[in-house]
PDB file of N, CA and C in Angstrom:
ATOM      1  N   UNK A   1     109.560  45.074 154.320  1.00  0.00           N
ATOM      2  CA  UNK A   1     108.883  44.656 153.100  1.00  0.00           C
ATOM      3  C   UNK A   1     107.623  43.860 153.425  1.00  0.00           C
ATOM      4  N   UNK A   2     107.675  43.011 154.420  1.00  0.00           N
ATOM      5  CA  UNK A   2     106.533  42.185 154.788  1.00  0.00           C
ATOM      6  C   UNK A   2     105.349  43.041 155.220  1.00  0.00           C
ATOM      7  N   UNK A   3     105.633  44.129 155.944  1.00  0.00           N
ATOM      8  CA  UNK A   3     104.561  45.012 156.398  1.00  0.00           C
ATOM      9  C   UNK A   3     103.849  45.651 155.206  1.00  0.00           C
ATOM     10  N   UNK A   4     104.602  46.097 154.202  1.00  0.00           N
ATOM     11  CA  UNK A   4     104.007  46.695 153.015  1.00  0.00           C
ATOM     12  C   UNK A   4     103.161  45.677 152.252  1.00  0.00           C
ATOM     13  N   UNK A   5     103.660  44.438 152.161  1.00  0.00           N
ATOM     14  CA  UNK A   5     102.905  43.386 151.474  1.00  0.00           C
ATOM     15  C   UNK A   5     101.607  43.082 152.205  1.00  0.00           C
ATOM     16  N   UNK A   6     101.653  43.066 153.527  1.00  0.00           N
ATOM     17  CA  UNK A   6     100.455  42.816 154.326  1.00  0.00           C
ATOM     18  C   UNK A   6      99.441  43.935 154.127  1.00  0.00           C
ATOM     19  N   UNK A   7      99.900  45.173 154.122  1.00  0.00           N
ATOM     20  CA  UNK A   7      98.993  46.307 153.908  1.00  0.00           C
ATOM     21  C   UNK A   7      98.371  46.255 152.509  1.00  0.00           C
ATOM     22  N   UNK A   8      99.167  45.890 151.511  1.00  0.00           N
ATOM     23  CA  UNK A   8      98.646  45.775 150.146  1.00  0.00           C
ATOM     24  C   UNK A   8      97.598  44.666 150.067  1.00  0.00           C
ATOM     25  N   UNK A   9      97.859  43.549 150.757  1.00  0.00           N
ATOM     26  CA  UNK A   9      96.897  42.450 150.775  1.00  0.00           C
ATOM     27  C   UNK A   9      95.603  42.875 151.459  1.00  0.00           C
ATOM     28  N   UNK A  10      95.708  43.594 152.574  1.00  0.00           N
ATOM     29  CA  UNK A  10      94.516  44.076 153.284  1.00  0.00           C
ATOM     30  C   UNK A  10      93.701  45.015 152.398  1.00  0.00           C
ATOM     31  N   UNK A  11      94.397  45.909 151.694  1.00  0.00           N
ATOM     32  CA  UNK A  11      93.714  46.853 150.811  1.00  0.00           C
ATOM     33  C   UNK A  11      92.984  46.105 149.701  1.00  0.00           C
ATOM     34  N   UNK A  12      93.632  45.108 149.125  1.00  0.00           N
ATOM     35  CA  UNK A  12      93.012  44.319 148.062  1.00  0.00           C
ATOM     36  C   UNK A  12      91.809  43.544 148.601  1.00  0.00           C
ATOM     37  N   UNK A  13      91.922  42.994 149.800  1.00  0.00           N
ATOM     38  CA  UNK A  13      90.812  42.250 150.404  1.00  0.00           C
ATOM     39  C   UNK A  13      89.624  43.169 150.663  1.00  0.00           C
ATOM     40  N   UNK A  14      89.875  44.373 151.174  1.00  0.00           N
ATOM     41  CA  UNK A  14      88.787  45.332 151.405  1.00  0.00           C
ATOM     42  C   UNK A  14      88.102  45.692 150.091  1.00  0.00           C
ATOM     43  N   UNK A  15      88.903  45.904 149.065  1.00  0.00           N
ATOM     44  CA  UNK A  15      88.350  46.243 147.748  1.00  0.00           C
ATOM     45  C   UNK A  15      87.475  45.096 147.218  1.00  0.00           C
ATOM     46  N   UNK A  16      87.937  43.866 147.376  1.00  0.00           N
ATOM     47  CA  UNK A  16      87.162  42.705 146.924  1.00  0.00           C
ATOM     48  C   UNK A  16      85.845  42.597 147.675  1.00  0.00           C
ATOM     49  N   UNK A  17      85.868  42.864 148.982  1.00  0.00           N
ATOM     50  CA  UNK A  17      84.637  42.826 149.774  1.00  0.00           C
ATOM     51  C   UNK A  17      83.674  43.923 149.343  1.00  0.00           C
ATOM     52  N   UNK A  18      84.202  45.107 149.053  1.00  0.00           N
ATOM     53  CA  UNK A  18      83.350  46.207 148.586  1.00  0.00           C
ATOM     54  C   UNK A  18      82.683  45.841 147.261  1.00  0.00           C
ATOM     55  N   UNK A  19      83.422  45.234 146.367  1.00  0.00           N
ATOM     56  CA  UNK A  19      82.856  44.826 145.079  1.00  0.00           C
ATOM     57  C   UNK A  19      81.761  43.787 145.294  1.00  0.00           C
ATOM     58  N   UNK A  20      82.032  42.792 146.138  1.00  0.00           N
ATOM     59  CA  UNK A  20      81.035  41.754 146.405  1.00  0.00           C
ATOM     60  C   UNK A  20      79.776  42.354 147.007  1.00  0.00           C
ATOM     61  N   UNK A  21      79.940  43.286 147.940  1.00  0.00           N
ATOM     62  CA  UNK A  21      78.781  43.934 148.557  1.00  0.00           C
ATOM     63  C   UNK A  21      77.999  44.733 147.517  1.00  0.00           C
ATOM     64  N   UNK A  22      78.695  45.465 146.670  1.00  0.00           N
ATOM     65  CA  UNK A  22      78.028  46.270 145.642  1.00  0.00           C
ATOM     66  C   UNK A  22      77.273  45.398 144.646  1.00  0.00           C
ATOM     67  N   UNK A  23      77.845  44.256 144.284  1.00  0.00           N
ATOM     68  CA  UNK A  23      77.172  43.338 143.361  1.00  0.00           C
ATOM     69  C   UNK A  23      75.905  42.793 144.009  1.00  0.00           C
ATOM     70  N   UNK A  24      76.007  42.428 145.284  1.00  0.00           N
ATOM     71  CA  UNK A  24      74.837  41.898 145.995  1.00  0.00           C
ATOM     72  C   UNK A  24      73.753  42.968 146.121  1.00  0.00           C
ATOM     73  N   UNK A  25      74.148  44.183 146.454  1.00  0.00           N
ATOM     74  CA  UNK A  25      73.183  45.279 146.588  1.00  0.00           C
ATOM     75  C   UNK A  25      72.530  45.584 145.245  1.00  0.00           C
ATOM     76  N   UNK A  26      73.308  45.593 144.179  1.00  0.00           N
ATOM     77  CA  UNK A  26      72.759  45.867 142.848  1.00  0.00           C
ATOM     78  C   UNK A  26      71.788  44.771 142.428  1.00  0.00           C
ATOM     79  N   UNK A  27      72.138  43.538 142.723  1.00  0.00           N
ATOM     80  CA  UNK A  27      71.259  42.419 142.385  1.00  0.00           C
ATOM     81  C   UNK A  27      69.928  42.533 143.120  1.00  0.00           C
ATOM     82  N   UNK A  28      69.997  42.891 144.395  1.00  0.00           N
ATOM     83  CA  UNK A  28      68.776  43.065 145.187  1.00  0.00           C
ATOM     84  C   UNK A  28      67.938  44.218 144.634  1.00  0.00           C
ATOM     85  N   UNK A  29      68.577  45.336 144.333  1.00  0.00           N
ATOM     86  CA  UNK A  29      67.849  46.488 143.801  1.00  0.00           C
ATOM     87  C   UNK A  29      67.186  46.140 142.469  1.00  0.00           C
ATOM     88  N   UNK A  30      67.901  45.398 141.641  1.00  0.00           N
ATOM     89  CA  UNK A  30      67.325  45.022 140.340  1.00  0.00           C
ATOM     90  C   UNK A  30      66.056  44.196 140.524  1.00  0.00           C
ATOM     91  N   UNK A  31      66.069  43.295 141.509  1.00  0.00           N
ATOM     92  CA  UNK A  31      64.890  42.462 141.772  1.00  0.00           C
ATOM     93  C   UNK A  31      63.738  43.285 142.332  1.00  0.00           C
ATOM     94  N   UNK A  32      64.055  44.238 143.196  1.00  0.00           N
ATOM     95  CA  UNK A  32      63.031  45.008 143.897  1.00  0.00           C
ATOM     96  C   UNK A  32      62.511  46.171 143.053  1.00  0.00           C
ATOM     97  N   UNK A  33      63.424  46.874 142.374  1.00  0.00           N
ATOM     98  CA  UNK A  33      63.034  48.090 141.648  1.00  0.00           C
ATOM     99  C   UNK A  33      63.894  48.230 140.394  1.00  0.00           C
ATOM    100  N   UNK A  34      63.535  47.510 139.365  1.00  0.00           N
ATOM    101  CA  UNK A  34      64.360  47.496 138.152  1.00  0.00           C
ATOM    102  C   UNK A  34      64.486  48.858 137.475  1.00  0.00           C
ATOM    103  N   UNK A  35      63.431  49.692 137.423  1.00  0.00           N
ATOM    104  CA  UNK A  35      63.609  51.014 136.803  1.00  0.00           C
ATOM    105  C   UNK A  35      64.688  51.860 137.497  1.00  0.00           C
ATOM    106  N   UNK A  36      64.728  51.828 138.825  1.00  0.00           N
ATOM    107  CA  UNK A  36      65.760  52.574 139.554  1.00  0.00           C
ATOM    108  C   UNK A  36      67.138  51.991 139.264  1.00  0.00           C
ATOM    109  N   UNK A  37      67.227  50.680 139.252  1.00  0.00           N
ATOM    110  CA  UNK A  37      68.481  49.996 138.937  1.00  0.00           C
ATOM    111  C   UNK A  37      68.988  50.438 137.554  1.00  0.00           C
ATOM    112  N   UNK A  38      68.090  50.453 136.576  1.00  0.00           N
ATOM    113  CA  UNK A  38      68.482  50.849 135.217  1.00  0.00           C
ATOM    114  C   UNK A  38      68.929  52.305 135.153  1.00  0.00           C
ATOM    115  N   UNK A  39      68.260  53.188 135.888  1.00  0.00           N
ATOM    116  CA  UNK A  39      68.673  54.604 135.919  1.00  0.00           C
ATOM    117  C   UNK A  39      70.060  54.750 136.531  1.00  0.00           C
ATOM    118  N   UNK A  40      70.326  54.008 137.601  1.00  0.00           N
ATOM    119  CA  UNK A  40      71.642  54.079 138.248  1.00  0.00           C
ATOM    120  C   UNK A  40      72.731  53.579 137.304  1.00  0.00           C
ATOM    121  N   UNK A  41      72.466  52.490 136.590  1.00  0.00           N
ATOM    122  CA  UNK A  41      73.460  51.961 135.648  1.00  0.00           C
ATOM    123  C   UNK A  41      73.728  52.952 134.519  1.00  0.00           C
ATOM    124  N   UNK A  42      72.666  53.555 134.004  1.00  0.00           N
ATOM    125  CA  UNK A  42      72.834  54.530 132.923  1.00  0.00           C
ATOM    126  C   UNK A  42      73.619  55.747 133.410  1.00  0.00           C
ATOM    127  N   UNK A  43      73.318  56.190 134.618  1.00  0.00           N
ATOM    128  CA  UNK A  43      74.025  57.328 135.191  1.00  0.00           C
ATOM    129  C   UNK A  43      75.513  57.012 135.331  1.00  0.00           C
ATOM    130  N   UNK A  44      75.831  55.805 135.799  1.00  0.00           N
ATOM    131  CA  UNK A  44      77.229  55.411 135.953  1.00  0.00           C
ATOM    132  C   UNK A  44      77.927  55.379 134.596  1.00  0.00           C
ATOM    133  N   UNK A  45      77.239  54.871 133.572  1.00  0.00           N
ATOM    134  CA  UNK A  45      77.813  54.861 132.222  1.00  0.00           C
ATOM    135  C   UNK A  45      78.095  56.276 131.734  1.00  0.00           C
ATOM    136  N   UNK A  46      77.130  57.174 131.963  1.00  0.00           N
ATOM    137  CA  UNK A  46      77.302  58.562 131.521  1.00  0.00           C
ATOM    138  C   UNK A  46      78.493  59.219 132.215  1.00  0.00           C
ATOM    139  N   UNK A  47      78.611  59.010 133.515  1.00  0.00           N
ATOM    140  CA  UNK A  47      79.724  59.584 134.281  1.00  0.00           C
ATOM    141  C   UNK A  47      81.045  58.998 133.803  1.00  0.00           C
ATOM    142  N   UNK A  48      81.085  57.683 133.608  1.00  0.00           N
ATOM    143  CA  UNK A  48      82.316  57.033 133.146  1.00  0.00           C
ATOM    144  C   UNK A  48      82.753  57.580 131.792  1.00  0.00           C
ATOM    145  N   UNK A  49      81.801  57.726 130.869  1.00  0.00           N
ATOM    146  CA  UNK A  49      82.137  58.264 129.550  1.00  0.00           C
ATOM    147  C   UNK A  49      82.672  59.686 129.656  1.00  0.00           C
ATOM    148  N   UNK A  50      82.031  60.497 130.489  1.00  0.00           N
ATOM    149  CA  UNK A  50      82.472  61.889 130.641  1.00  0.00           C
ATOM    150  C   UNK A  50      83.891  61.952 131.199  1.00  0.00           C
ATOM    151  N   UNK A  51      84.168  61.126 132.191  1.00  0.00           N
ATOM    152  CA  UNK A  51      85.497  61.127 132.808  1.00  0.00           C
ATOM    153  C   UNK A  51      86.541  60.615 131.822  1.00  0.00           C
ATOM    154  N   UNK A  52      86.215  59.541 131.128  1.00  0.00           N
ATOM    155  CA  UNK A  52      87.181  58.960 130.197  1.00  0.00           C
ATOM    156  C   UNK A  52      87.427  59.833 128.976  1.00  0.00           C
ATOM    157  N   UNK A  53      86.519  60.736 128.673  1.00  0.00           N
ATOM    158  CA  UNK A  53      86.719  61.661 127.558  1.00  0.00           C
ATOM    159  C   UNK A  53      87.618  62.835 127.928  1.00  0.00           C
ATOM    160  N   UNK A  54      87.994  62.930 129.192  1.00  0.00           N
ATOM    161  CA  UNK A  54      88.920  63.968 129.650  1.00  0.00           C
ATOM    162  C   UNK A  54      90.266  63.298 129.907  1.00  0.00           C
ATOM    163  N   UNK A  55      91.211  63.398 128.987  1.00  0.00           N
ATOM    164  CA  UNK A  55      92.480  62.672 129.100  1.00  0.00           C
ATOM    165  C   UNK A  55      93.205  62.872 130.425  1.00  0.00           C
ATOM    166  N   UNK A  56      93.115  64.036 131.016  1.00  0.00           N
ATOM    167  CA  UNK A  56      93.845  64.274 132.262  1.00  0.00           C
ATOM    168  C   UNK A  56      93.250  63.498 133.427  1.00  0.00           C
ATOM    169  N   UNK A  57      91.980  63.110 133.348  1.00  0.00           N
ATOM    170  CA  UNK A  57      91.332  62.394 134.439  1.00  0.00           C
ATOM    171  C   UNK A  57      91.149  60.912 134.155  1.00  0.00           C
ATOM    172  N   UNK A  58      91.427  60.455 132.970  1.00  0.00           N
ATOM    173  CA  UNK A  58      91.145  59.076 132.588  1.00  0.00           C
ATOM    174  C   UNK A  58      91.892  58.069 133.452  1.00  0.00           C
ATOM    175  N   UNK A  59      93.104  58.388 133.880  1.00  0.00           N
ATOM    176  CA  UNK A  59      93.884  57.450 134.674  1.00  0.00           C
ATOM    177  C   UNK A  59      93.301  57.252 136.061  1.00  0.00           C
ATOM    178  N   UNK A  60      92.636  58.250 136.607  1.00  0.00           N
ATOM    179  CA  UNK A  60      92.129  58.165 137.973  1.00  0.00           C
ATOM    180  C   UNK A  60      90.808  57.458 138.108  1.00  0.00           C
ATOM    181  N   UNK A  61      90.113  57.218 137.006  1.00  0.00           N
ATOM    182  CA  UNK A  61      88.790  56.596 137.081  1.00  0.00           C
ATOM    183  C   UNK A  61      88.888  55.130 136.723  1.00  0.00           C
ATOM    184  N   UNK A  62      88.434  54.273 137.625  1.00  0.00           N
ATOM    185  CA  UNK A  62      88.409  52.840 137.355  1.00  0.00           C
ATOM    186  C   UNK A  62      86.992  52.348 137.549  1.00  0.00           C
ATOM    187  N   UNK A  63      86.228  52.293 136.505  1.00  0.00           N
ATOM    188  CA  UNK A  63      84.814  51.899 136.578  1.00  0.00           C
ATOM    189  C   UNK A  63      84.668  50.414 136.747  1.00  0.00           C
TER     190      UNK A  63
END
């Protein structure tokens, strides 16, 4: 059981680091090139809406 808990903790830590890195990268891009940043955000919104409108795929997408 301890091994599974450790693996789950490692996975959660990696995910948290990925989120922090993505936030930092997005913040930098917004400062450097706001039009590109806005296009990327809009694209992500469009993709999220399309995925969430398909009931069979809605569970697999976590935006």
